[in-house]
Amino acid sequence: MTEEVTLVDESGVERRFALHDAFDLDGTAYYLVEDVTEPDRVLLLRETPSGLETVDGEEFGRVMSALEEDRVE
C-alpha cells in the first residue's frame, strides 16, 4: 500500500499525493510524489528548513540520475 500525504501549495490549497520514494542525497532529503487526483503530476521535492520545495532544472536531472543509478541512501 502506498502512503498518502497531504501537502499545502503556495496558494494554501491542499493536495493529496502518493509517496513513491524518500531518500537522501549529499545530506539532503528528497521525496518523489504523485498527485492522487492527477497521476500525470509527479513532483520531486527537497526538504529545507522552511519546508518542502519543488526541484527542477539542473538539480532535478542530477537527483533523478542518482536515484536511477541507485546512488541514494
N, C-alpha and C. Protein backbone atom coordinates (compact mmCIF):
# COMPACT_ATOMS: atom_id res chain seq x y z
N MET A 1 0.84 -1.19 0.00
CA MET A 1 0.00 0.00 0.00
C MET A 1 0.88 1.25 0.00
N THR A 2 0.57 2.18 -0.86
CA THR A 2 1.33 3.42 -0.97
C THR A 2 0.85 4.41 0.09
N GLU A 3 1.80 5.04 0.74
CA GLU A 3 1.47 6.04 1.75
C GLU A 3 1.02 7.33 1.07
N GLU A 4 -0.06 7.94 1.58
CA GLU A 4 -0.53 9.21 1.06
C GLU A 4 -0.18 10.32 2.03
N VAL A 5 0.19 11.47 1.47
CA VAL A 5 0.49 12.65 2.27
C VAL A 5 -0.31 13.82 1.71
N THR A 6 -0.66 14.76 2.58
CA THR A 6 -1.36 15.97 2.15
C THR A 6 -0.37 17.12 2.24
N LEU A 7 -0.23 17.84 1.13
CA LEU A 7 0.67 18.99 1.07
C LEU A 7 -0.14 20.24 0.77
N VAL A 8 0.32 21.38 1.25
CA VAL A 8 -0.34 22.65 1.00
C VAL A 8 0.55 23.46 0.08
N ASP A 9 -0.01 23.92 -1.07
CA ASP A 9 0.80 24.69 -2.02
C ASP A 9 0.89 26.15 -1.60
N GLU A 10 1.58 26.96 -2.41
CA GLU A 10 1.81 28.37 -2.10
C GLU A 10 0.52 29.16 -1.96
N SER A 11 -0.55 28.70 -2.62
CA SER A 11 -1.84 29.39 -2.58
C SER A 11 -2.71 28.94 -1.41
N GLY A 12 -2.20 28.00 -0.61
CA GLY A 12 -2.97 27.49 0.52
C GLY A 12 -3.90 26.34 0.18
N VAL A 13 -3.79 25.81 -1.05
CA VAL A 13 -4.65 24.71 -1.50
C VAL A 13 -4.03 23.39 -1.06
N GLU A 14 -4.84 22.55 -0.41
CA GLU A 14 -4.37 21.22 -0.01
C GLU A 14 -4.48 20.25 -1.17
N ARG A 15 -3.44 19.44 -1.36
CA ARG A 15 -3.43 18.41 -2.40
C ARG A 15 -2.92 17.12 -1.79
N ARG A 16 -3.49 16.00 -2.23
CA ARG A 16 -3.06 14.69 -1.74
C ARG A 16 -2.10 14.07 -2.74
N PHE A 17 -1.03 13.50 -2.21
CA PHE A 17 0.00 12.87 -3.03
C PHE A 17 0.30 11.47 -2.51
N ALA A 18 0.63 10.58 -3.44
CA ALA A 18 1.13 9.25 -3.08
C ALA A 18 2.65 9.36 -3.00
N LEU A 19 3.21 8.92 -1.89
CA LEU A 19 4.66 8.96 -1.69
C LEU A 19 5.28 7.72 -2.33
N HIS A 20 6.08 7.94 -3.39
CA HIS A 20 6.70 6.82 -4.09
C HIS A 20 8.09 6.50 -3.55
N ASP A 21 8.82 7.52 -3.14
CA ASP A 21 10.18 7.28 -2.66
C ASP A 21 10.61 8.45 -1.77
N ALA A 22 11.39 8.14 -0.76
CA ALA A 22 12.01 9.13 0.11
C ALA A 22 13.46 8.70 0.28
N PHE A 23 14.39 9.62 0.04
CA PHE A 23 15.80 9.25 0.06
C PHE A 23 16.67 10.47 0.36
N ASP A 24 17.92 10.20 0.74
CA ASP A 24 18.91 11.25 0.99
C ASP A 24 19.97 11.22 -0.10
N LEU A 25 20.39 12.39 -0.50
CA LEU A 25 21.49 12.53 -1.45
C LEU A 25 22.33 13.72 -1.00
N ASP A 26 23.59 13.48 -0.73
CA ASP A 26 24.52 14.54 -0.31
C ASP A 26 23.99 15.32 0.89
N GLY A 27 23.36 14.60 1.84
CA GLY A 27 22.89 15.23 3.06
C GLY A 27 21.56 15.96 2.95
N THR A 28 20.89 15.85 1.82
CA THR A 28 19.59 16.49 1.62
C THR A 28 18.52 15.42 1.43
N ALA A 29 17.37 15.61 2.07
CA ALA A 29 16.25 14.67 1.93
C ALA A 29 15.39 15.06 0.74
N TYR A 30 15.03 14.07 -0.07
CA TYR A 30 14.18 14.28 -1.25
C TYR A 30 12.99 13.33 -1.18
N TYR A 31 11.88 13.74 -1.81
CA TYR A 31 10.66 12.94 -1.84
C TYR A 31 10.11 12.95 -3.27
N LEU A 32 9.80 11.77 -3.78
CA LEU A 32 9.19 11.63 -5.10
C LEU A 32 7.72 11.32 -4.87
N VAL A 33 6.83 12.22 -5.31
CA VAL A 33 5.40 12.08 -5.03
C VAL A 33 4.58 12.21 -6.31
N GLU A 34 3.38 11.59 -6.28
CA GLU A 34 2.45 11.63 -7.42
C GLU A 34 1.11 12.15 -6.91
N ASP A 35 0.55 13.13 -7.61
CA ASP A 35 -0.76 13.69 -7.25
C ASP A 35 -1.82 12.60 -7.35
N VAL A 36 -2.61 12.40 -6.30
CA VAL A 36 -3.61 11.33 -6.27
C VAL A 36 -4.70 11.58 -7.31
N THR A 37 -5.09 12.83 -7.52
CA THR A 37 -6.18 13.14 -8.45
C THR A 37 -5.69 13.40 -9.87
N GLU A 38 -4.41 13.70 -10.03
CA GLU A 38 -3.80 13.94 -11.35
C GLU A 38 -2.54 13.10 -11.45
N PRO A 39 -2.65 11.81 -11.78
CA PRO A 39 -1.49 10.91 -11.79
C PRO A 39 -0.34 11.34 -12.71
N ASP A 40 -0.63 12.20 -13.69
CA ASP A 40 0.45 12.69 -14.56
C ASP A 40 1.31 13.74 -13.86
N ARG A 41 0.86 14.23 -12.72
CA ARG A 41 1.60 15.26 -11.98
C ARG A 41 2.49 14.57 -10.95
N VAL A 42 3.76 14.43 -11.28
CA VAL A 42 4.75 13.82 -10.40
C VAL A 42 5.76 14.90 -10.03
N LEU A 43 6.05 15.01 -8.74
CA LEU A 43 6.96 16.05 -8.26
C LEU A 43 8.14 15.44 -7.51
N LEU A 44 9.27 16.10 -7.64
CA LEU A 44 10.43 15.81 -6.81
C LEU A 44 10.55 16.98 -5.85
N LEU A 45 10.51 16.69 -4.55
CA LEU A 45 10.56 17.72 -3.53
C LEU A 45 11.83 17.59 -2.70
N ARG A 46 12.36 18.74 -2.28
CA ARG A 46 13.56 18.80 -1.45
C ARG A 46 13.16 19.37 -0.09
N GLU A 47 13.66 18.75 0.98
CA GLU A 47 13.37 19.25 2.33
C GLU A 47 14.34 20.38 2.66
N THR A 48 13.79 21.50 3.12
CA THR A 48 14.60 22.66 3.52
C THR A 48 14.15 23.07 4.92
N PRO A 49 14.91 23.93 5.59
CA PRO A 49 14.49 24.39 6.92
C PRO A 49 13.12 25.08 6.91
N SER A 50 12.74 25.67 5.77
CA SER A 50 11.45 26.37 5.71
C SER A 50 10.32 25.51 5.15
N GLY A 51 10.60 24.25 4.83
CA GLY A 51 9.55 23.37 4.29
C GLY A 51 10.03 22.62 3.07
N LEU A 52 9.08 22.14 2.27
CA LEU A 52 9.41 21.40 1.06
C LEU A 52 9.41 22.34 -0.14
N GLU A 53 10.37 22.13 -1.04
CA GLU A 53 10.47 22.93 -2.26
C GLU A 53 10.51 22.00 -3.46
N THR A 54 9.89 22.42 -4.55
CA THR A 54 9.93 21.66 -5.79
C THR A 54 11.32 21.76 -6.41
N VAL A 55 11.83 20.63 -6.88
CA VAL A 55 13.14 20.58 -7.51
C VAL A 55 12.94 20.59 -9.02
N ASP A 56 13.72 21.42 -9.71
CA ASP A 56 13.64 21.44 -11.17
C ASP A 56 15.01 21.77 -11.75
N GLY A 57 15.06 21.91 -13.05
CA GLY A 57 16.30 22.30 -13.72
C GLY A 57 17.43 21.30 -13.56
N GLU A 58 18.64 21.82 -13.43
CA GLU A 58 19.85 21.01 -13.33
C GLU A 58 19.83 20.08 -12.11
N GLU A 59 19.33 20.60 -10.99
CA GLU A 59 19.27 19.77 -9.78
C GLU A 59 18.34 18.58 -9.99
N PHE A 60 17.21 18.79 -10.67
CA PHE A 60 16.27 17.69 -10.95
C PHE A 60 16.98 16.58 -11.72
N GLY A 61 17.70 16.94 -12.77
CA GLY A 61 18.42 15.95 -13.57
C GLY A 61 19.47 15.21 -12.76
N ARG A 62 20.21 15.93 -11.94
CA ARG A 62 21.26 15.32 -11.12
C ARG A 62 20.66 14.34 -10.11
N VAL A 63 19.59 14.75 -9.44
CA VAL A 63 18.98 13.91 -8.41
C VAL A 63 18.31 12.69 -9.04
N MET A 64 17.60 12.87 -10.14
CA MET A 64 16.93 11.74 -10.78
C MET A 64 17.95 10.74 -11.33
N SER A 65 19.07 11.22 -11.85
CA SER A 65 20.13 10.32 -12.32
C SER A 65 20.67 9.49 -11.16
N ALA A 66 20.91 10.15 -10.03
CA ALA A 66 21.41 9.44 -8.84
C ALA A 66 20.39 8.40 -8.37
N LEU A 67 19.11 8.73 -8.42
CA LEU A 67 18.07 7.79 -8.00
C LEU A 67 18.02 6.59 -8.94
N GLU A 68 18.06 6.85 -10.24
CA GLU A 68 18.01 5.77 -11.23
C GLU A 68 19.22 4.85 -11.14
N GLU A 69 20.37 5.43 -10.78
CA GLU A 69 21.61 4.66 -10.67
C GLU A 69 21.80 4.09 -9.26
N ASP A 70 20.80 4.25 -8.40
CA ASP A 70 20.82 3.73 -7.04
C ASP A 70 22.00 4.26 -6.22
N ARG A 71 22.30 5.57 -6.40
CA ARG A 71 23.37 6.21 -5.64
C ARG A 71 22.81 7.06 -4.50
N VAL A 72 21.63 6.70 -4.01
CA VAL A 72 21.00 7.46 -2.93
C VAL A 72 20.87 6.57 -1.70
N GLU A 73 20.67 7.21 -0.56
CA GLU A 73 20.52 6.46 0.70
C GLU A 73 19.06 6.39 1.09
